[in-house]
Amino acid sequence: MKLAALTALVLIAFAANSLLNRAALAGDLAGPAAFAALRLTAGAAVLFLLARTRGPVPFRAPRRLWQAAGLLAYMWGFSFAYVTLDAGIGALILFGGVQVLMFAAAVGTGELVPARRWIGTSVAFGGLVLLLWPAGAAAPSALGAALMATAAAGWAAYTWLGRGGTDPLGATAANFALAALPAVLLAGVAFDGLTPAGAMLAVISGAVTSGLGYALWYAVLPRLPSTTAALAQLLVPVIAVAGGVVLLAEPLTLRIVLAGALVVAGVAAGVIPYRTTRSRGS
């Protein structure tokens, strides 16, 4: 139950990130380069201060640069993709890509994936398509789709490489600090605008829902099979849509209810273990 509660908290933080990013970028409160740079910098600052209370920050740990590169690819790809990409299509490419890459990596390394998890993933992703695919959608921007696919690859790599960590707070602090350096350089060269409201959203996203949320994600990952971690993330868009209904007064439609139910049912079928009871003769 504790693991389930922590995982749910992580997914809520991820969904809050989606809402904060959408509010800043879609509302023209911040440019993608400036938002990503401030998001990473704020996360690095908070995480570094917290991690230093427990000891040195492990900048030289194995695969650290690869983890930071994956994080940066996700942050940049996610932010820049939404300049030309519909939010719903973007989420499908992102989460679909993460599913494919993490399942492929798990199978390639010999992880046993039960049939019910494959079925649950198919049902959940079908519900996600129903939830996010816009009516009358045109072909997505090739550049935007490529950027979001890059974000999916970055996040899948960041998640995969963090599975065996023993210091989630220190690892996340180091990853954010290393990724923030090139992000700040890009933002300085091609500054694309940042309003006070956009800066506030970036700081909240970086320090709380990204920084602390990702540290918690690294804490729960060692206790989850890779395919379970991938499948659970399909709940993030559903939580984000629910948050939009509750917090932003967005309309609640029958399509949202049905699609959300499909996603939840698929995830539940794939991650909740079946328990069988044996009758004993007297």
C-alpha atoms as a PDB file:
ATOM      1  CA  MET A   1       0.000   0.000   0.000  1.00  0.00           C
ATOM      2  CA  LYS A   2       2.865   2.382   0.757  1.00  0.00           C
ATOM      3  CA  LEU A   3       4.400   1.772  -2.672  1.00  0.00           C
ATOM      4  CA  ALA A   4       1.044   2.318  -4.348  1.00  0.00           C
ATOM      5  CA  ALA A   5       0.531   5.598  -2.458  1.00  0.00           C
ATOM      6  CA  LEU A   6       4.002   6.864  -3.358  1.00  0.00           C
ATOM      7  CA  THR A   7       3.502   5.928  -7.007  1.00  0.00           C
ATOM      8  CA  ALA A   8       0.151   7.718  -7.039  1.00  0.00           C
ATOM      9  CA  LEU A   9       1.803  10.818  -5.569  1.00  0.00           C
ATOM     10  CA  VAL A  10       4.442  10.720  -8.318  1.00  0.00           C
ATOM     11  CA  LEU A  11       1.782  10.452 -11.025  1.00  0.00           C
ATOM     12  CA  ILE A  12      -0.102  13.411  -9.553  1.00  0.00           C
ATOM     13  CA  ALA A  13       3.123  15.441  -9.637  1.00  0.00           C
ATOM     14  CA  PHE A  14       3.643  14.487 -13.288  1.00  0.00           C
ATOM     15  CA  ALA A  15       0.083  15.520 -14.123  1.00  0.00           C
ATOM     16  CA  ALA A  16       0.556  18.835 -12.299  1.00  0.00           C
ATOM     17  CA  ASN A  17       3.646  19.379 -14.444  1.00  0.00           C
ATOM     18  CA  SER A  18       1.528  18.990 -17.561  1.00  0.00           C
ATOM     19  CA  LEU A  19      -0.953  21.589 -16.305  1.00  0.00           C
ATOM     20  CA  LEU A  20       1.788  24.049 -15.337  1.00  0.00           C
ATOM     21  CA  ASN A  21       3.581  23.660 -18.667  1.00  0.00           C
ATOM     22  CA  ARG A  22       0.368  24.012 -20.625  1.00  0.00           C
ATOM     23  CA  ALA A  23      -0.594  27.142 -18.711  1.00  0.00           C
ATOM     24  CA  ALA A  24       2.804  28.768 -19.341  1.00  0.00           C
ATOM     25  CA  LEU A  25       3.479  27.759 -22.942  1.00  0.00           C
ATOM     26  CA  ALA A  26      -0.037  27.747 -24.376  1.00  0.00           C
ATOM     27  CA  GLY A  27      -0.809  31.002 -22.576  1.00  0.00           C
ATOM     28  CA  ASP A  28       2.263  32.736 -24.042  1.00  0.00           C
ATOM     29  CA  LEU A  29       3.581  33.389 -20.549  1.00  0.00           C
ATOM     30  CA  ALA A  30       6.983  31.909 -21.373  1.00  0.00           C
ATOM     31  CA  GLY A  31       9.016  30.715 -24.322  1.00  0.00           C
ATOM     32  CA  PRO A  32      10.062  27.055 -24.369  1.00  0.00           C
ATOM     33  CA  ALA A  33      13.804  27.711 -23.907  1.00  0.00           C
ATOM     34  CA  ALA A  34      13.326  30.146 -21.036  1.00  0.00           C
ATOM     35  CA  PHE A  35      10.737  27.956 -19.326  1.00  0.00           C
ATOM     36  CA  ALA A  36      12.892  24.819 -19.546  1.00  0.00           C
ATOM     37  CA  ALA A  37      15.962  26.667 -18.273  1.00  0.00           C
ATOM     38  CA  LEU A  38      14.208  28.158 -15.264  1.00  0.00           C
ATOM     39  CA  ARG A  39      12.419  24.897 -14.548  1.00  0.00           C
ATOM     40  CA  LEU A  40      15.711  22.993 -14.430  1.00  0.00           C
ATOM     41  CA  THR A  41      17.520  25.726 -12.493  1.00  0.00           C
ATOM     42  CA  ALA A  42      14.820  25.959  -9.832  1.00  0.00           C
ATOM     43  CA  GLY A  43      14.739  22.187  -9.466  1.00  0.00           C
ATOM     44  CA  ALA A  44      18.531  22.007  -9.246  1.00  0.00           C
ATOM     45  CA  ALA A  45      18.692  24.693  -6.552  1.00  0.00           C
ATOM     46  CA  VAL A  46      16.090  23.100  -4.280  1.00  0.00           C
ATOM     47  CA  LEU A  47      17.360  19.565  -4.764  1.00  0.00           C
ATOM     48  CA  PHE A  48      21.005  20.544  -4.238  1.00  0.00           C
ATOM     49  CA  LEU A  49      20.201  22.238  -0.923  1.00  0.00           C
ATOM     50  CA  LEU A  50      18.227  19.217   0.253  1.00  0.00           C
ATOM     51  CA  ALA A  51      20.800  16.692  -0.950  1.00  0.00           C
ATOM     52  CA  ARG A  52      23.720  18.534   0.671  1.00  0.00           C
ATOM     53  CA  THR A  53      22.147  18.055   4.106  1.00  0.00           C
ATOM     54  CA  ARG A  54      22.737  14.321   3.631  1.00  0.00           C
ATOM     55  CA  GLY A  55      26.217  14.366   2.097  1.00  0.00           C
ATOM     56  CA  PRO A  56      28.045  15.095  -1.178  1.00  0.00           C
ATOM     57  CA  VAL A  57      25.996  15.265  -4.366  1.00  0.00           C
ATOM     58  CA  PRO A  58      27.043  12.291  -6.569  1.00  0.00           C
ATOM     59  CA  PHE A  59      27.991  14.106  -9.771  1.00  0.00           C
ATOM     60  CA  ARG A  60      30.509  11.409 -10.769  1.00  0.00           C
ATOM     61  CA  ALA A  61      28.273   8.396 -10.340  1.00  0.00           C
ATOM     62  CA  PRO A  62      28.168   5.866 -13.203  1.00  0.00           C
ATOM     63  CA  ARG A  63      25.860   6.860 -16.071  1.00  0.00           C
ATOM     64  CA  ARG A  64      25.305  10.279 -14.509  1.00  0.00           C
ATOM     65  CA  LEU A  65      25.938  12.178 -17.756  1.00  0.00           C
ATOM     66  CA  TRP A  66      23.584   9.872 -19.608  1.00  0.00           C
ATOM     67  CA  GLN A  67      20.850  10.457 -17.033  1.00  0.00           C
ATOM     68  CA  ALA A  68      21.332  14.225 -17.278  1.00  0.00           C
ATOM     69  CA  ALA A  69      21.275  14.015 -21.081  1.00  0.00           C
ATOM     70  CA  GLY A  70      18.022  12.046 -20.969  1.00  0.00           C
ATOM     71  CA  LEU A  71      16.475  14.613 -18.636  1.00  0.00           C
ATOM     72  CA  LEU A  72      17.596  17.500 -20.862  1.00  0.00           C
ATOM     73  CA  ALA A  73      16.281  15.792 -24.005  1.00  0.00           C
ATOM     74  CA  TYR A  74      12.918  15.335 -22.307  1.00  0.00           C
ATOM     75  CA  MET A  75      12.732  18.935 -21.047  1.00  0.00           C
ATOM     76  CA  TRP A  76      13.738  20.496 -24.363  1.00  0.00           C
ATOM     77  CA  GLY A  77      11.701  18.146 -26.531  1.00  0.00           C
ATOM     78  CA  PHE A  78       8.590  18.540 -24.389  1.00  0.00           C
ATOM     79  CA  SER A  79       8.770  22.334 -24.261  1.00  0.00           C
ATOM     80  CA  PHE A  80       9.631  23.002 -27.908  1.00  0.00           C
ATOM     81  CA  ALA A  81       7.195  20.407 -29.284  1.00  0.00           C
ATOM     82  CA  TYR A  82       4.187  22.270 -27.940  1.00  0.00           C
ATOM     83  CA  VAL A  83       5.041  25.319 -30.036  1.00  0.00           C
ATOM     84  CA  THR A  84       3.786  23.459 -33.123  1.00  0.00           C
ATOM     85  CA  LEU A  85       1.948  20.429 -31.722  1.00  0.00           C
ATOM     86  CA  ASP A  86      -1.560  19.973 -30.351  1.00  0.00           C
ATOM     87  CA  ALA A  87      -1.473  19.068 -26.666  1.00  0.00           C
ATOM     88  CA  GLY A  88      -3.468  15.863 -27.127  1.00  0.00           C
ATOM     89  CA  ILE A  89      -1.385  14.548 -30.022  1.00  0.00           C
ATOM     90  CA  GLY A  90       1.760  15.501 -28.118  1.00  0.00           C
ATOM     91  CA  ALA A  91       0.713  13.464 -25.083  1.00  0.00           C
ATOM     92  CA  LEU A  92      -0.055  10.456 -27.286  1.00  0.00           C
ATOM     93  CA  ILE A  93       3.370  10.585 -28.928  1.00  0.00           C
ATOM     94  CA  LEU A  94       5.088  11.096 -25.584  1.00  0.00           C
ATOM     95  CA  PHE A  95       3.397   8.350 -23.608  1.00  0.00           C
ATOM     96  CA  GLY A  96       3.119   5.984 -26.564  1.00  0.00           C
ATOM     97  CA  GLY A  97       6.829   6.388 -27.209  1.00  0.00           C
ATOM     98  CA  VAL A  98       7.708   5.789 -23.567  1.00  0.00           C
ATOM     99  CA  GLN A  99       5.606   2.610 -23.559  1.00  0.00           C
ATOM    100  CA  VAL A 100       7.221   1.212 -26.695  1.00  0.00           C
ATOM    101  CA  LEU A 101      10.789   2.012 -25.627  1.00  0.00           C
ATOM    102  CA  MET A 102      10.482   0.767 -22.051  1.00  0.00           C
ATOM    103  CA  PHE A 103       8.676  -2.423 -23.033  1.00  0.00           C
ATOM    104  CA  ALA A 104      11.278  -3.075 -25.738  1.00  0.00           C
ATOM    105  CA  ALA A 105      14.119  -2.506 -23.267  1.00  0.00           C
ATOM    106  CA  ALA A 106      12.480  -4.769 -20.691  1.00  0.00           C
ATOM    107  CA  VAL A 107      11.935  -7.592 -23.181  1.00  0.00           C
ATOM    108  CA  GLY A 108      15.443  -7.134 -24.558  1.00  0.00           C
ATOM    109  CA  THR A 109      16.973  -7.545 -21.103  1.00  0.00           C
ATOM    110  CA  GLY A 110      14.955 -10.649 -20.307  1.00  0.00           C
ATOM    111  CA  GLU A 111      12.202  -9.212 -18.084  1.00  0.00           C
ATOM    112  CA  LEU A 112       9.175 -11.489 -18.108  1.00  0.00           C
ATOM    113  CA  VAL A 113       6.061  -9.551 -19.127  1.00  0.00           C
ATOM    114  CA  PRO A 114       2.830 -11.395 -18.263  1.00  0.00           C
ATOM    115  CA  ALA A 115       0.109 -11.560 -20.902  1.00  0.00           C
ATOM    116  CA  ARG A 116      -2.284  -9.555 -18.751  1.00  0.00           C
ATOM    117  CA  ARG A 117       0.187  -6.644 -18.767  1.00  0.00           C
ATOM    118  CA  TRP A 118       0.280  -6.634 -22.554  1.00  0.00           C
ATOM    119  CA  ILE A 119      -3.517  -6.723 -22.622  1.00  0.00           C
ATOM    120  CA  GLY A 120      -3.796  -4.018 -19.967  1.00  0.00           C
ATOM    121  CA  THR A 121      -1.388  -1.798 -21.867  1.00  0.00           C
ATOM    122  CA  SER A 122      -3.380  -2.197 -25.089  1.00  0.00           C
ATOM    123  CA  VAL A 123      -6.659  -1.351 -23.346  1.00  0.00           C
ATOM    124  CA  ALA A 124      -5.166   1.612 -21.479  1.00  0.00           C
ATOM    125  CA  PHE A 125      -3.519   3.062 -24.577  1.00  0.00           C
ATOM    126  CA  GLY A 126      -6.754   2.633 -26.525  1.00  0.00           C
ATOM    127  CA  GLY A 127      -8.501   4.652 -23.836  1.00  0.00           C
ATOM    128  CA  LEU A 128      -5.761   7.271 -24.049  1.00  0.00           C
ATOM    129  CA  VAL A 129      -6.316   7.617 -27.808  1.00  0.00           C
ATOM    130  CA  LEU A 130     -10.034   8.075 -27.198  1.00  0.00           C
ATOM    131  CA  LEU A 131      -9.299  10.657 -24.501  1.00  0.00           C
ATOM    132  CA  LEU A 132      -6.706  12.751 -26.311  1.00  0.00           C
ATOM    133  CA  TRP A 133      -7.285  12.482 -30.053  1.00  0.00           C
ATOM    134  CA  PRO A 134      -8.906  15.766 -31.142  1.00  0.00           C
ATOM    135  CA  ALA A 135     -11.938  15.702 -33.397  1.00  0.00           C
ATOM    136  CA  GLY A 136     -11.089  16.400 -37.018  1.00  0.00           C
ATOM    137  CA  ALA A 137      -7.372  16.438 -36.286  1.00  0.00           C
ATOM    138  CA  ALA A 138      -5.035  17.203 -39.151  1.00  0.00           C
ATOM    139  CA  ALA A 139      -1.680  15.505 -39.571  1.00  0.00           C
ATOM    140  CA  PRO A 140       0.614  16.674 -36.772  1.00  0.00           C
ATOM    141  CA  SER A 141       3.614  18.865 -37.470  1.00  0.00           C
ATOM    142  CA  ALA A 142       6.565  16.687 -38.465  1.00  0.00           C
ATOM    143  CA  LEU A 143       8.946  18.869 -36.450  1.00  0.00           C
ATOM    144  CA  GLY A 144       6.685  18.864 -33.415  1.00  0.00           C
ATOM    145  CA  ALA A 145       6.226  15.089 -33.617  1.00  0.00           C
ATOM    146  CA  ALA A 146       9.988  14.580 -33.894  1.00  0.00           C
ATOM    147  CA  LEU A 147      10.610  16.815 -30.885  1.00  0.00           C
ATOM    148  CA  MET A 148       8.037  14.975 -28.798  1.00  0.00           C
ATOM    149  CA  ALA A 149       9.477  11.638 -29.871  1.00  0.00           C
ATOM    150  CA  THR A 150      12.841  12.943 -28.663  1.00  0.00           C
ATOM    151  CA  ALA A 151      11.203  13.840 -25.357  1.00  0.00           C
ATOM    152  CA  ALA A 152       9.783  10.309 -25.111  1.00  0.00           C
ATOM    153  CA  ALA A 153      13.210   8.791 -25.764  1.00  0.00           C
ATOM    154  CA  GLY A 154      14.774  11.099 -23.188  1.00  0.00           C
ATOM    155  CA  TRP A 155      12.231  10.264 -20.506  1.00  0.00           C
ATOM    156  CA  ALA A 156      12.403   6.535 -21.211  1.00  0.00           C
ATOM    157  CA  ALA A 157      16.199   6.672 -20.896  1.00  0.00           C
ATOM    158  CA  TYR A 158      16.009   8.782 -17.739  1.00  0.00           C
ATOM    159  CA  THR A 159      13.571   6.326 -16.171  1.00  0.00           C
ATOM    160  CA  TRP A 160      15.453   3.211 -17.298  1.00  0.00           C
ATOM    161  CA  LEU A 161      18.829   4.447 -16.066  1.00  0.00           C
ATOM    162  CA  GLY A 162      17.391   5.367 -12.663  1.00  0.00           C
ATOM    163  CA  ARG A 163      16.047   1.907 -11.833  1.00  0.00           C
ATOM    164  CA  GLY A 164      18.997   0.714  -9.764  1.00  0.00           C
ATOM    165  CA  GLY A 165      19.816   3.887  -7.857  1.00  0.00           C
ATOM    166  CA  THR A 166      20.318   3.953  -4.085  1.00  0.00           C
ATOM    167  CA  ASP A 167      20.363   7.742  -3.577  1.00  0.00           C
ATOM    168  CA  PRO A 168      17.325   9.133  -5.422  1.00  0.00           C
ATOM    169  CA  LEU A 169      17.571  12.653  -3.964  1.00  0.00           C
ATOM    170  CA  GLY A 170      21.277  13.026  -4.693  1.00  0.00           C
ATOM    171  CA  ALA A 171      20.942  11.499  -8.155  1.00  0.00           C
ATOM    172  CA  THR A 172      18.086  13.817  -9.103  1.00  0.00           C
ATOM    173  CA  ALA A 173      19.956  16.851  -7.751  1.00  0.00           C
ATOM    174  CA  ALA A 174      23.012  15.991  -9.847  1.00  0.00           C
ATOM    175  CA  ASN A 175      20.911  15.303 -12.946  1.00  0.00           C
ATOM    176  CA  PHE A 176      19.090  18.622 -12.673  1.00  0.00           C
ATOM    177  CA  ALA A 177      22.278  20.609 -12.051  1.00  0.00           C
ATOM    178  CA  LEU A 178      24.083  19.087 -15.032  1.00  0.00           C
ATOM    179  CA  ALA A 179      21.069  19.480 -17.334  1.00  0.00           C
ATOM    180  CA  ALA A 180      20.522  23.087 -16.228  1.00  0.00           C
ATOM    181  CA  LEU A 181      23.899  24.267 -17.566  1.00  0.00           C
ATOM    182  CA  PRO A 182      23.215  23.759 -21.307  1.00  0.00           C
ATOM    183  CA  ALA A 183      19.577  24.785 -20.820  1.00  0.00           C
ATOM    184  CA  VAL A 184      20.649  28.162 -19.383  1.00  0.00           C
ATOM    185  CA  LEU A 185      23.183  28.624 -22.199  1.00  0.00           C
ATOM    186  CA  LEU A 186      20.517  28.037 -24.853  1.00  0.00           C
ATOM    187  CA  ALA A 187      18.068  30.358 -23.116  1.00  0.00           C
ATOM    188  CA  GLY A 188      20.738  33.055 -22.959  1.00  0.00           C
ATOM    189  CA  VAL A 189      21.578  32.772 -26.651  1.00  0.00           C
ATOM    190  CA  ALA A 190      17.991  32.580 -27.919  1.00  0.00           C
ATOM    191  CA  PHE A 191      15.943  34.218 -25.175  1.00  0.00           C
ATOM    192  CA  ASP A 192      12.321  33.700 -26.167  1.00  0.00           C
ATOM    193  CA  GLY A 193      10.482  35.576 -23.452  1.00  0.00           C
ATOM    194  CA  LEU A 194       9.456  35.078 -19.849  1.00  0.00           C
ATOM    195  CA  THR A 195       6.733  36.954 -17.979  1.00  0.00           C
ATOM    196  CA  PRO A 196       6.533  37.119 -14.175  1.00  0.00           C
ATOM    197  CA  ALA A 197       3.590  34.702 -14.253  1.00  0.00           C
ATOM    198  CA  GLY A 198       5.493  32.327 -16.528  1.00  0.00           C
ATOM    199  CA  ALA A 199       8.508  32.497 -14.234  1.00  0.00           C
ATOM    200  CA  MET A 200       6.352  31.613 -11.233  1.00  0.00           C
ATOM    201  CA  LEU A 201       4.912  28.595 -13.053  1.00  0.00           C
ATOM    202  CA  ALA A 202       8.414  27.478 -14.100  1.00  0.00           C
ATOM    203  CA  VAL A 203       9.732  27.736 -10.544  1.00  0.00           C
ATOM    204  CA  ILE A 204       6.822  25.740  -9.125  1.00  0.00           C
ATOM    205  CA  SER A 205       7.186  23.136 -11.850  1.00  0.00           C
ATOM    206  CA  GLY A 206      10.948  22.899 -11.384  1.00  0.00           C
ATOM    207  CA  ALA A 207      11.223  22.998  -7.609  1.00  0.00           C
ATOM    208  CA  VAL A 208       8.157  21.000  -6.616  1.00  0.00           C
ATOM    209  CA  THR A 209       6.406  18.896  -9.240  1.00  0.00           C
ATOM    210  CA  SER A 210       9.557  18.178 -11.271  1.00  0.00           C
ATOM    211  CA  GLY A 211      12.434  18.240  -8.781  1.00  0.00           C
ATOM    212  CA  LEU A 212      10.805  16.601  -5.788  1.00  0.00           C
ATOM    213  CA  GLY A 213       8.491  14.546  -8.002  1.00  0.00           C
ATOM    214  CA  TYR A 214      11.386  13.083 -10.003  1.00  0.00           C
ATOM    215  CA  ALA A 215      13.360  12.358  -6.825  1.00  0.00           C
ATOM    216  CA  LEU A 216      10.374  10.394  -5.531  1.00  0.00           C
ATOM    217  CA  TRP A 217      10.127   8.643  -8.905  1.00  0.00           C
ATOM    218  CA  TYR A 218      13.738   7.500  -8.602  1.00  0.00           C
ATOM    219  CA  ALA A 219      12.908   6.272  -5.083  1.00  0.00           C
ATOM    220  CA  VAL A 220      10.035   4.021  -6.207  1.00  0.00           C
ATOM    221  CA  LEU A 221      11.569   2.799  -9.486  1.00  0.00           C
ATOM    222  CA  PRO A 222      13.795   0.098  -7.934  1.00  0.00           C
ATOM    223  CA  ARG A 223      10.668  -1.512  -6.494  1.00  0.00           C
ATOM    224  CA  LEU A 224       8.696  -1.591  -9.751  1.00  0.00           C
ATOM    225  CA  PRO A 225       9.125  -3.839 -12.796  1.00  0.00           C
ATOM    226  CA  SER A 226      10.063  -1.686 -15.786  1.00  0.00           C
ATOM    227  CA  THR A 227       6.876  -2.484 -17.670  1.00  0.00           C
ATOM    228  CA  THR A 228       4.765  -1.678 -14.615  1.00  0.00           C
ATOM    229  CA  ALA A 229       6.485   1.718 -14.338  1.00  0.00           C
ATOM    230  CA  ALA A 230       5.796   2.336 -18.025  1.00  0.00           C
ATOM    231  CA  LEU A 231       2.156   1.263 -17.825  1.00  0.00           C
ATOM    232  CA  ALA A 232       1.394   3.297 -14.699  1.00  0.00           C
ATOM    233  CA  GLN A 233       2.440   6.485 -16.475  1.00  0.00           C
ATOM    234  CA  LEU A 234      -0.536   6.173 -18.828  1.00  0.00           C
ATOM    235  CA  LEU A 235      -2.595   7.457 -15.907  1.00  0.00           C
ATOM    236  CA  VAL A 236      -0.844  10.842 -16.038  1.00  0.00           C
ATOM    237  CA  PRO A 237      -2.916  12.339 -18.900  1.00  0.00           C
ATOM    238  CA  VAL A 238      -6.111  11.114 -17.231  1.00  0.00           C
ATOM    239  CA  ILE A 239      -5.135  12.817 -13.964  1.00  0.00           C
ATOM    240  CA  ALA A 240      -4.194  15.963 -15.895  1.00  0.00           C
ATOM    241  CA  VAL A 241      -7.565  16.033 -17.672  1.00  0.00           C
ATOM    242  CA  ALA A 242      -9.342  15.488 -14.342  1.00  0.00           C
ATOM    243  CA  GLY A 243      -7.306  18.337 -12.889  1.00  0.00           C
ATOM    244  CA  GLY A 244      -8.378  20.559 -15.757  1.00  0.00           C
ATOM    245  CA  VAL A 245     -12.023  19.729 -15.058  1.00  0.00           C
ATOM    246  CA  VAL A 246     -11.722  20.409 -11.317  1.00  0.00           C
ATOM    247  CA  LEU A 247      -9.251  23.304 -11.259  1.00  0.00           C
ATOM    248  CA  LEU A 248      -9.767  24.999 -14.622  1.00  0.00           C
ATOM    249  CA  ALA A 249     -13.525  24.413 -15.021  1.00  0.00           C
ATOM    250  CA  GLU A 250     -12.981  22.494 -18.262  1.00  0.00           C
ATOM    251  CA  PRO A 251     -16.068  20.559 -19.429  1.00  0.00           C
ATOM    252  CA  LEU A 252     -16.589  16.981 -18.307  1.00  0.00           C
ATOM    253  CA  THR A 253     -17.917  14.946 -21.214  1.00  0.00           C
ATOM    254  CA  LEU A 254     -19.076  11.368 -21.657  1.00  0.00           C
ATOM    255  CA  ARG A 255     -16.020  10.777 -23.856  1.00  0.00           C
ATOM    256  CA  ILE A 256     -13.715  11.789 -20.989  1.00  0.00           C
ATOM    257  CA  VAL A 257     -15.528   9.519 -18.544  1.00  0.00           C
ATOM    258  CA  LEU A 258     -15.467   6.486 -20.863  1.00  0.00           C
ATOM    259  CA  ALA A 259     -11.866   7.028 -21.942  1.00  0.00           C
ATOM    260  CA  GLY A 260     -10.715   7.559 -18.374  1.00  0.00           C
ATOM    261  CA  ALA A 261     -12.456   4.375 -17.289  1.00  0.00           C
ATOM    262  CA  LEU A 262     -10.712   2.413 -20.061  1.00  0.00           C
ATOM    263  CA  VAL A 263      -7.294   3.733 -19.063  1.00  0.00           C
ATOM    264  CA  VAL A 264      -7.837   3.003 -15.381  1.00  0.00           C
ATOM    265  CA  ALA A 265      -9.182  -0.478 -16.139  1.00  0.00           C
ATOM    266  CA  GLY A 266      -6.258  -1.265 -18.417  1.00  0.00           C
ATOM    267  CA  VAL A 267      -3.670  -0.080 -15.908  1.00  0.00           C
ATOM    268  CA  ALA A 268      -5.376  -1.985 -13.101  1.00  0.00           C
ATOM    269  CA  ALA A 269      -5.484  -5.169 -15.172  1.00  0.00           C
ATOM    270  CA  GLY A 270      -1.802  -4.846 -15.952  1.00  0.00           C
ATOM    271  CA  VAL A 271      -0.340  -3.924 -12.580  1.00  0.00           C
ATOM    272  CA  ILE A 272      -2.568  -5.450  -9.882  1.00  0.00           C
ATOM    273  CA  PRO A 273      -1.485  -9.030  -9.207  1.00  0.00           C
ATOM    274  CA  TYR A 274      -4.106 -11.702  -9.307  1.00  0.00           C
ATOM    275  CA  ARG A 275      -4.527 -13.741  -6.166  1.00  0.00           C
ATOM    276  CA  THR A 276      -5.898 -17.197  -6.239  1.00  0.00           C
ATOM    277  CA  THR A 277      -7.208 -19.137  -3.328  1.00  0.00           C
ATOM    278  CA  ARG A 278      -7.046 -22.867  -3.007  1.00  0.00           C
ATOM    279  CA  SER A 279      -9.814 -24.754  -1.338  1.00  0.00           C
ATOM    280  CA  ARG A 280      -8.622 -27.232   1.211  1.00  0.00           C
ATOM    281  CA  GLY A 281     -10.425 -30.467   1.818  1.00  0.00           C
ATOM    282  CA  SER A 282     -11.385 -31.332   5.338  1.00  0.00           C
END
